[in-house]
Protein backbone atom coordinates (compact mmCIF):
# COMPACT_ATOMS: atom_id res chain seq x y z
CA MET A 1 71.32 121.43 81.31
CA LYS A 2 69.66 119.25 83.83
CA TYR A 3 71.32 116.40 82.82
CA PHE A 4 74.86 118.00 82.85
CA LEU A 5 73.80 119.06 86.34
CA ARG A 6 72.54 115.24 87.58
CA THR A 7 76.11 113.72 86.07
CA LEU A 8 78.09 116.58 87.54
CA ARG A 9 76.71 116.04 91.36
CA ASP A 10 76.60 111.98 90.99
CA GLY A 11 80.26 112.74 90.42
CA LEU A 12 81.09 114.80 92.77
CA LEU A 13 79.18 112.65 94.71
CA ALA A 14 81.33 109.46 94.10
CA THR A 15 84.51 111.18 94.58
CA LEU A 16 83.70 112.96 98.17
CA SER A 17 82.23 109.26 98.79
CA TYR A 18 85.33 107.44 97.87
CA LEU A 19 87.63 110.22 99.46
CA TRP A 20 85.77 109.57 102.33
CA SER A 21 86.06 105.93 102.17
CA GLY A 22 90.53 106.56 101.88
CA TRP A 23 89.83 108.89 105.03
CA GLY A 24 88.52 106.18 106.95
CA ALA A 25 90.99 103.44 105.60
CA LEU A 26 93.92 106.01 106.80
CA ALA A 27 92.21 106.38 110.14
CA SER A 28 92.21 102.49 110.70
CA LEU A 29 96.14 102.59 109.73
CA LEU A 30 96.51 105.81 111.83
CA LEU A 31 94.72 103.30 114.87
CA PHE A 32 96.50 100.52 114.20
CA CYS A 33 100.20 102.32 114.38
CA ALA A 34 99.04 104.28 117.44
CA ALA A 35 98.88 100.46 118.87
CA TRP A 36 102.20 99.12 117.13
CA GLU A 37 103.89 102.09 118.78
CA PHE A 38 102.65 101.14 122.01
CA THR A 39 103.47 97.87 122.31
CA GLY A 40 107.05 98.39 120.96
CA ARG A 41 107.49 100.92 123.90
CA VAL A 42 106.72 97.97 126.40
CA HIS A 43 108.34 95.27 124.90
CA GLY A 44 111.51 97.19 123.62
CA ALA A 45 112.53 98.59 120.34
CA LEU A 46 114.50 95.11 119.82
CA VAL A 47 111.55 93.13 119.93
CA LEU A 48 109.41 94.88 118.21
CA PRO A 49 110.96 98.59 116.55
CA GLY A 50 108.61 101.14 116.45
CA PRO A 51 106.64 102.31 113.34
CA VAL A 52 108.67 105.54 112.65
CA ALA A 53 112.14 103.69 113.26
CA THR A 54 110.76 100.92 110.70
CA LEU A 55 110.29 103.52 108.07
CA GLU A 56 113.18 104.83 108.97
CA ARG A 57 114.74 101.54 108.02
CA LEU A 58 113.14 101.29 104.98
CA ALA A 59 113.89 104.47 103.29
CA GLU A 60 117.47 103.23 104.13
CA LEU A 61 116.79 100.63 102.37
CA PHE A 62 115.61 102.30 99.00
CA ASP A 63 118.36 105.22 99.47
CA SER A 64 120.68 102.32 99.52
CA GLY A 65 119.14 100.60 96.33
CA LEU A 66 118.59 97.50 97.99
CA ALA A 67 114.60 97.82 98.15
CA LEU A 68 113.48 98.50 94.75
CA PRO A 69 115.48 95.18 92.85
CA GLN A 70 113.51 93.04 95.70
CA LEU A 71 110.73 94.49 95.41
CA ALA A 72 110.68 94.75 91.99
CA ILE A 73 111.39 90.89 91.81
CA SER A 74 108.32 90.31 94.10
CA THR A 75 106.44 91.96 92.37
CA ARG A 76 106.75 90.22 88.58
CA ARG A 77 106.62 86.59 90.28
CA THR A 78 103.05 87.92 91.96
CA LEU A 79 101.55 89.56 89.19
CA TYR A 80 102.46 86.42 87.06
CA GLY A 81 100.81 83.93 89.30
CA LEU A 82 98.19 86.04 90.21
CA GLY A 83 97.05 87.27 86.99
CA ALA A 84 97.10 83.80 85.77
CA ALA A 85 95.02 82.48 88.54
CA LEU A 86 92.48 85.82 88.01
CA LEU A 87 92.29 84.81 83.55
CA ALA A 88 91.90 81.13 84.37
CA GLY A 89 89.83 81.43 87.57
CA SER A 90 87.55 83.66 86.26
CA ALA A 91 87.14 82.18 83.31
CA LEU A 92 86.50 78.68 83.99
CA GLY A 93 84.17 79.76 86.58
CA LEU A 94 81.68 81.59 84.26
CA LEU A 95 81.45 78.27 82.38
CA ALA A 96 81.34 76.39 85.49
CA GLY A 97 77.97 78.64 86.63
CA ARG A 98 76.51 78.52 83.39
CA SER A 99 75.94 74.32 83.88
CA LEU A 100 74.64 72.43 87.24
CA THR A 101 76.15 69.29 86.36
CA ALA A 102 79.68 71.45 85.53
CA ALA A 103 78.80 73.09 88.76
CA MET A 104 78.31 70.12 91.26
CA LEU A 105 81.25 68.20 89.78
CA SER A 106 83.95 71.16 90.63
CA ARG A 107 82.35 72.27 94.23
CA PRO A 108 84.12 69.52 95.59
CA LEU A 109 87.14 70.11 93.84
CA VAL A 110 87.38 73.43 94.62
CA THR A 111 87.04 72.37 98.41
CA LEU A 112 89.75 70.55 98.14
CA LEU A 113 92.13 72.93 96.42
CA LEU A 114 90.90 75.87 99.00
CA GLY A 115 91.55 73.86 102.39
CA MET A 116 95.53 72.60 100.85
CA PRO A 117 97.56 74.56 102.79
CA PRO A 118 99.89 77.22 100.59
CA ILE A 119 103.06 75.18 102.61
CA ALA A 120 102.09 71.74 100.53
CA TRP A 121 102.00 73.35 96.93
CA LEU A 122 104.98 74.98 98.04
CA VAL A 123 107.04 71.77 99.14
CA LEU A 124 105.42 69.88 95.82
CA ALA A 125 106.59 73.16 93.72
CA MET A 126 110.18 72.98 95.00
CA LEU A 127 110.12 69.37 93.58
CA TRP A 128 108.56 69.72 90.66
CA PHE A 129 109.91 73.29 89.13
CA GLY A 130 113.09 73.78 91.51
CA MET A 131 114.64 76.76 92.84
CA GLY A 132 113.55 79.16 90.56
CA ASP A 133 110.76 81.81 89.41
CA ALA A 134 108.69 78.91 88.49
CA THR A 135 108.04 77.69 92.10
CA PRO A 136 106.91 81.20 93.92
CA VAL A 137 104.71 82.00 90.48
CA PHE A 138 103.06 78.49 90.48
CA THR A 139 102.34 78.59 94.18
CA VAL A 140 100.95 82.09 93.96
CA PHE A 141 98.66 80.54 90.99
CA ILE A 142 97.31 77.57 92.56
CA ALA A 143 96.65 79.48 95.94
CA CYS A 144 94.15 81.83 94.15
CA PHE A 145 92.68 80.17 91.66
CA PRO A 146 90.33 78.31 93.61
CA ILE A 147 89.44 81.88 95.56
CA VAL A 148 89.07 83.43 92.34
CA PHE A 149 87.39 79.89 90.66
CA ALA A 150 84.42 79.78 93.55
CA GLY A 151 83.63 83.67 93.22
CA ALA A 152 82.82 83.86 89.70
CA MET A 153 80.51 79.88 89.94
CA GLN A 154 78.60 81.40 92.39
CA GLY A 155 77.74 85.07 90.71
CA THR A 156 77.11 83.31 87.37
CA ARG A 157 74.91 80.45 89.51
CA THR A 158 73.26 82.87 91.41
CA LEU A 159 71.69 85.69 88.62
CA ASP A 160 68.34 85.97 88.99
CA ASN A 161 66.28 84.22 86.25
CA GLN A 162 63.28 85.96 86.67
CA LEU A 163 64.75 89.28 86.31
CA LYS A 164 66.79 87.37 83.43
CA LYS A 165 63.34 86.04 81.69
CA VAL A 166 62.25 89.71 81.88
CA ALA A 167 65.24 91.11 79.67
CA LEU A 168 64.56 88.70 76.86
CA ALA A 169 61.04 88.87 76.82
CA TYR A 170 61.17 92.50 75.99
CA HIS A 171 64.16 91.68 73.57
CA LEU A 172 66.88 93.37 75.11
CA PRO A 173 69.94 93.59 72.56
CA TRP A 174 72.47 91.16 73.34
CA HIS A 175 75.11 93.71 74.42
CA MET A 176 72.40 95.45 76.91
CA LEU A 177 72.21 91.99 78.36
CA LEU A 178 75.92 91.58 79.30
CA THR A 179 76.52 95.83 80.13
CA ASP A 180 73.39 95.68 82.56
CA LEU A 181 72.93 92.35 83.81
CA TYR A 182 74.90 90.07 83.87
CA PHE A 183 78.11 92.28 83.94
CA PRO A 184 77.06 94.09 87.23
CA HIS A 185 75.60 90.68 89.19
CA VAL A 186 78.93 88.83 88.05
CA MET A 187 81.60 91.25 89.12
CA SER A 188 79.51 92.31 92.72
CA TYR A 189 80.63 88.76 93.32
CA LEU A 190 84.31 88.68 91.27
CA PHE A 191 85.83 92.07 92.84
CA PRO A 192 85.36 90.51 96.80
CA ALA A 193 87.41 87.35 95.38
CA TRP A 194 90.20 89.52 93.36
CA ILE A 195 90.54 91.20 96.14
CA THR A 196 91.04 88.13 98.79
CA ALA A 197 93.64 86.42 96.11
CA LEU A 198 95.58 89.84 96.00
CA GLY A 199 96.38 89.82 99.63
CA THR A 200 96.34 85.73 98.92
CA SER A 201 99.36 86.31 96.54
CA TRP A 202 101.30 88.48 98.05
CA LYS A 203 101.48 86.80 101.52
CA VAL A 204 101.73 83.52 98.96
CA VAL A 205 105.15 85.02 97.06
CA VAL A 206 106.88 85.97 100.10
CA MET A 207 106.49 82.51 102.02
CA ALA A 208 107.74 80.85 98.75
CA GLU A 209 110.84 83.04 98.40
CA LEU A 210 111.53 82.57 101.80
CA LEU A 211 112.00 79.12 101.13
CA SER A 212 112.89 78.51 97.72
CA THR A 213 114.94 81.71 96.28
CA THR A 214 117.69 83.54 97.13
CA ASP A 215 116.05 86.89 95.71
CA GLY A 216 113.05 89.12 96.34
CA VAL A 217 111.52 89.41 99.49
CA GLY A 218 111.05 86.96 101.08
CA ALA A 219 114.98 85.66 100.56
CA ALA A 220 115.71 89.25 102.17
CA LEU A 221 113.49 88.30 105.11
CA ALA A 222 115.18 85.45 105.93
CA THR A 223 118.63 87.16 105.95
CA SER A 224 117.48 89.64 108.11
CA ARG A 225 116.08 86.69 110.16
CA ALA A 226 119.28 84.97 110.37
CA GLN A 227 121.19 88.10 111.47
CA LEU A 228 117.87 88.74 114.00
CA ASP A 229 117.40 92.05 112.44
CA THR A 230 113.92 92.78 113.53
CA ALA A 231 114.02 96.77 112.45
CA THR A 232 114.80 95.22 108.93
CA SER A 233 112.64 92.67 108.77
CA LEU A 234 109.90 94.67 109.61
CA ALA A 235 110.65 97.49 107.33
CA TRP A 236 110.47 94.46 104.33
CA VAL A 237 107.12 93.62 106.17
CA ALA A 238 106.17 97.09 105.52
CA ALA A 239 106.92 97.44 102.20
CA VAL A 240 105.06 94.61 100.68
CA LEU A 241 101.83 95.89 102.69
CA GLY A 242 102.42 99.57 101.19
CA LEU A 243 102.42 97.65 97.36
CA LEU A 244 99.17 95.69 98.25
CA LEU A 245 97.40 98.56 99.89
CA ALA A 246 98.50 100.86 97.06
CA THR A 247 97.19 97.97 94.55
CA GLU A 248 94.10 97.52 96.22
CA TYR A 249 93.22 101.49 96.58
CA LEU A 250 94.60 102.98 93.45
CA PHE A 251 93.70 100.51 91.12
CA LEU A 252 90.61 97.49 92.35
CA GLU A 253 88.92 100.33 94.43
CA PRO A 254 88.24 102.36 92.06
CA LEU A 255 87.87 100.17 89.10
CA LYS A 256 85.06 98.42 91.84
CA ARG A 257 83.15 102.05 92.13
CA ARG A 258 83.30 102.66 88.31
CA VAL A 259 81.36 99.11 87.34
CA GLU A 260 79.28 99.32 90.65
CA ARG A 261 78.12 103.12 90.07
CA TRP A 262 74.31 101.62 89.53
CA ARG A 263 74.24 100.67 92.69
CA SER A 264 74.64 104.29 93.91
CA GLU A 265 72.09 106.33 90.56
CA PRO A 266 68.36 106.70 92.70
CA THR A 267 65.77 104.46 91.24
CA THR A 268 63.14 106.46 89.50
């Protein structure tokens, strides 16, 4: 009974903590919208439409059937490139982190990849793959891969050797080593890298579509720019940011809290 009550209490506290963090995020968004509205009123709706006008234009895009297909195309390209970067970067980073030699050899390559501007990769991708899906997918992958790789490698390299020796001395089963020692530590490095890669992927895919495709949010932004339609441009930006926030707070953040629940567990 005591165990059940303690589990129920811990679950309730975790839920309240998550909801409170959501309110904090909502408050910061409202402050941003207030500053946006004030700046729009100072400079006029032609230069910077306010958040209400932007959301109204976004609703019109959804009602007309223009928004959903373009968002679906951009989401597909983002998921392909980001998914490949998460899988390859996490796996190769974990392998590289287990070897000092591999970590030393890969570090300058990661630095070069991180320092390479995404626009340069985009130009090369346009030359290699032409004007199609492969160009934005490749650009997203190559921009996100070093971020995830560095996080995975750093998480593996910084594992406490003394703690690992104690676990091995007590002959803990392999599944306990994996779930109670390796997994929590590595994920504390991987999750920030994944969230950073998520934001990077959307920025890169919109940029790539603007320059290399005829569909997607980036292409729609290019059209609204050519028409000097600031409200529509901001509506597309708001749609992308909404998808980004929804992915982070509805999927990654709950997963992160579940994986790292050991941080809030009381020590005995």
